[in-house]
């Protein structure tokens, strides 16, 4: 899996979008959402490498329960793809 180097502004955005986990079930939910997001972004990068590399959309969602703009971009590309 490729390692992503974040700029300072991206790192700050990541910290802003993390939220404190105070209960075990919240931790499980957070980890599942993080894993889901990572898997989607990996699929995006694998199947649409050029689009992924040139994308300027954020990989962080506004809230923990929503998909990030980059994930939504991936979904739109999938919708346009013929099987």
C-alpha atoms as a PDB file:
ATOM      1  CA  UNK A   1       0.000   0.000   0.000  1.00  0.00           C
ATOM      2  CA  UNK A   2       1.473   3.386  -0.983  1.00  0.00           C
ATOM      3  CA  UNK A   3       2.272   5.819   1.797  1.00  0.00           C
ATOM      4  CA  UNK A   4       0.640   9.221   1.513  1.00  0.00           C
ATOM      5  CA  UNK A   5       2.666  12.219   2.609  1.00  0.00           C
ATOM      6  CA  UNK A   6       0.443  14.981   3.938  1.00  0.00           C
ATOM      7  CA  UNK A   7       1.163  18.663   3.679  1.00  0.00           C
ATOM      8  CA  UNK A   8       0.929  20.709   6.859  1.00  0.00           C
ATOM      9  CA  UNK A   9      -2.510  22.013   5.874  1.00  0.00           C
ATOM     10  CA  UNK A  10      -3.720  18.469   5.150  1.00  0.00           C
ATOM     11  CA  UNK A  11      -2.388  17.240   8.499  1.00  0.00           C
ATOM     12  CA  UNK A  12      -4.165  20.081  10.307  1.00  0.00           C
ATOM     13  CA  UNK A  13      -7.385  19.268   8.447  1.00  0.00           C
ATOM     14  CA  UNK A  14      -7.025  15.621   9.462  1.00  0.00           C
ATOM     15  CA  UNK A  15      -6.620  16.582  13.094  1.00  0.00           C
ATOM     16  CA  UNK A  16      -9.666  18.839  12.911  1.00  0.00           C
ATOM     17  CA  UNK A  17     -11.738  16.000  11.512  1.00  0.00           C
ATOM     18  CA  UNK A  18     -10.739  13.492  14.133  1.00  0.00           C
ATOM     19  CA  UNK A  19     -12.991  13.422  17.117  1.00  0.00           C
ATOM     20  CA  UNK A  20     -12.462  12.264  20.678  1.00  0.00           C
ATOM     21  CA  UNK A  21     -13.543   8.723  21.380  1.00  0.00           C
ATOM     22  CA  UNK A  22     -14.798   8.315  24.910  1.00  0.00           C
ATOM     23  CA  UNK A  23     -16.466   4.890  24.824  1.00  0.00           C
ATOM     24  CA  UNK A  24     -15.408   1.493  23.448  1.00  0.00           C
ATOM     25  CA  UNK A  25     -18.351   1.331  21.026  1.00  0.00           C
ATOM     26  CA  UNK A  26     -17.449   4.788  19.676  1.00  0.00           C
ATOM     27  CA  UNK A  27     -13.911   3.542  19.103  1.00  0.00           C
ATOM     28  CA  UNK A  28     -15.197   0.523  17.165  1.00  0.00           C
ATOM     29  CA  UNK A  29     -17.466   2.731  15.046  1.00  0.00           C
ATOM     30  CA  UNK A  30     -14.626   5.171  14.359  1.00  0.00           C
ATOM     31  CA  UNK A  31     -12.246   2.366  13.340  1.00  0.00           C
ATOM     32  CA  UNK A  32     -14.841   0.796  11.035  1.00  0.00           C
ATOM     33  CA  UNK A  33     -15.503   4.143   9.346  1.00  0.00           C
ATOM     34  CA  UNK A  34     -11.777   4.790   8.982  1.00  0.00           C
ATOM     35  CA  UNK A  35     -11.206   1.334   7.478  1.00  0.00           C
ATOM     36  CA  UNK A  36     -14.135   1.791   5.082  1.00  0.00           C
ATOM     37  CA  UNK A  37     -12.777   5.151   3.951  1.00  0.00           C
ATOM     38  CA  UNK A  38      -9.272   3.766   3.458  1.00  0.00           C
ATOM     39  CA  UNK A  39     -10.606   0.863   1.397  1.00  0.00           C
ATOM     40  CA  UNK A  40     -12.637   3.183  -0.825  1.00  0.00           C
ATOM     41  CA  UNK A  41      -9.678   5.482  -1.379  1.00  0.00           C
ATOM     42  CA  UNK A  42      -7.416   2.515  -2.177  1.00  0.00           C
ATOM     43  CA  UNK A  43      -9.935   1.251  -4.747  1.00  0.00           C
ATOM     44  CA  UNK A  44     -10.177   4.724  -6.259  1.00  0.00           C
ATOM     45  CA  UNK A  45      -6.394   4.957  -6.528  1.00  0.00           C
ATOM     46  CA  UNK A  46      -6.140   1.450  -7.998  1.00  0.00           C
ATOM     47  CA  UNK A  47      -8.867   1.673 -10.650  1.00  0.00           C
ATOM     48  CA  UNK A  48      -8.642   5.385 -11.498  1.00  0.00           C
ATOM     49  CA  UNK A  49      -5.005   6.192 -10.798  1.00  0.00           C
ATOM     50  CA  UNK A  50      -4.810   9.243 -13.073  1.00  0.00           C
ATOM     51  CA  UNK A  51      -7.986  10.788 -11.695  1.00  0.00           C
ATOM     52  CA  UNK A  52      -6.908  10.042  -8.142  1.00  0.00           C
ATOM     53  CA  UNK A  53      -3.473  11.595  -8.688  1.00  0.00           C
ATOM     54  CA  UNK A  54      -4.909  14.782 -10.187  1.00  0.00           C
ATOM     55  CA  UNK A  55      -7.816  15.157  -7.772  1.00  0.00           C
ATOM     56  CA  UNK A  56      -7.846  18.140  -5.462  1.00  0.00           C
ATOM     57  CA  UNK A  57     -10.839  16.910  -3.447  1.00  0.00           C
ATOM     58  CA  UNK A  58     -10.363  16.402   0.251  1.00  0.00           C
ATOM     59  CA  UNK A  59     -10.003  12.891   1.630  1.00  0.00           C
ATOM     60  CA  UNK A  60     -11.684  14.049   4.852  1.00  0.00           C
ATOM     61  CA  UNK A  61     -15.415  14.287   5.398  1.00  0.00           C
ATOM     62  CA  UNK A  62     -17.143  17.154   7.141  1.00  0.00           C
ATOM     63  CA  UNK A  63     -18.579  14.785   9.720  1.00  0.00           C
ATOM     64  CA  UNK A  64     -17.517  11.277  10.751  1.00  0.00           C
ATOM     65  CA  UNK A  65     -20.729   9.765   9.347  1.00  0.00           C
ATOM     66  CA  UNK A  66     -20.385  11.159   5.797  1.00  0.00           C
ATOM     67  CA  UNK A  67     -18.226  10.205   2.857  1.00  0.00           C
ATOM     68  CA  UNK A  68     -15.388  12.546   1.952  1.00  0.00           C
ATOM     69  CA  UNK A  69     -15.480  14.617  -1.242  1.00  0.00           C
ATOM     70  CA  UNK A  70     -12.825  12.302  -2.724  1.00  0.00           C
ATOM     71  CA  UNK A  71     -14.930   9.217  -1.950  1.00  0.00           C
ATOM     72  CA  UNK A  72     -17.957  10.871  -3.565  1.00  0.00           C
ATOM     73  CA  UNK A  73     -15.794  11.648  -6.589  1.00  0.00           C
ATOM     74  CA  UNK A  74     -14.945   7.923  -6.788  1.00  0.00           C
ATOM     75  CA  UNK A  75     -18.644   7.011  -6.656  1.00  0.00           C
ATOM     76  CA  UNK A  76     -19.376   9.416  -9.526  1.00  0.00           C
ATOM     77  CA  UNK A  77     -16.615   7.819 -11.610  1.00  0.00           C
ATOM     78  CA  UNK A  78     -18.050   4.376 -10.872  1.00  0.00           C
ATOM     79  CA  UNK A  79     -21.487   5.556 -11.980  1.00  0.00           C
ATOM     80  CA  UNK A  80     -20.017   6.662 -15.328  1.00  0.00           C
ATOM     81  CA  UNK A  81     -18.150   3.393 -15.884  1.00  0.00           C
ATOM     82  CA  UNK A  82     -19.704   0.794 -18.133  1.00  0.00           C
ATOM     83  CA  UNK A  83     -19.477  -2.762 -16.907  1.00  0.00           C
END
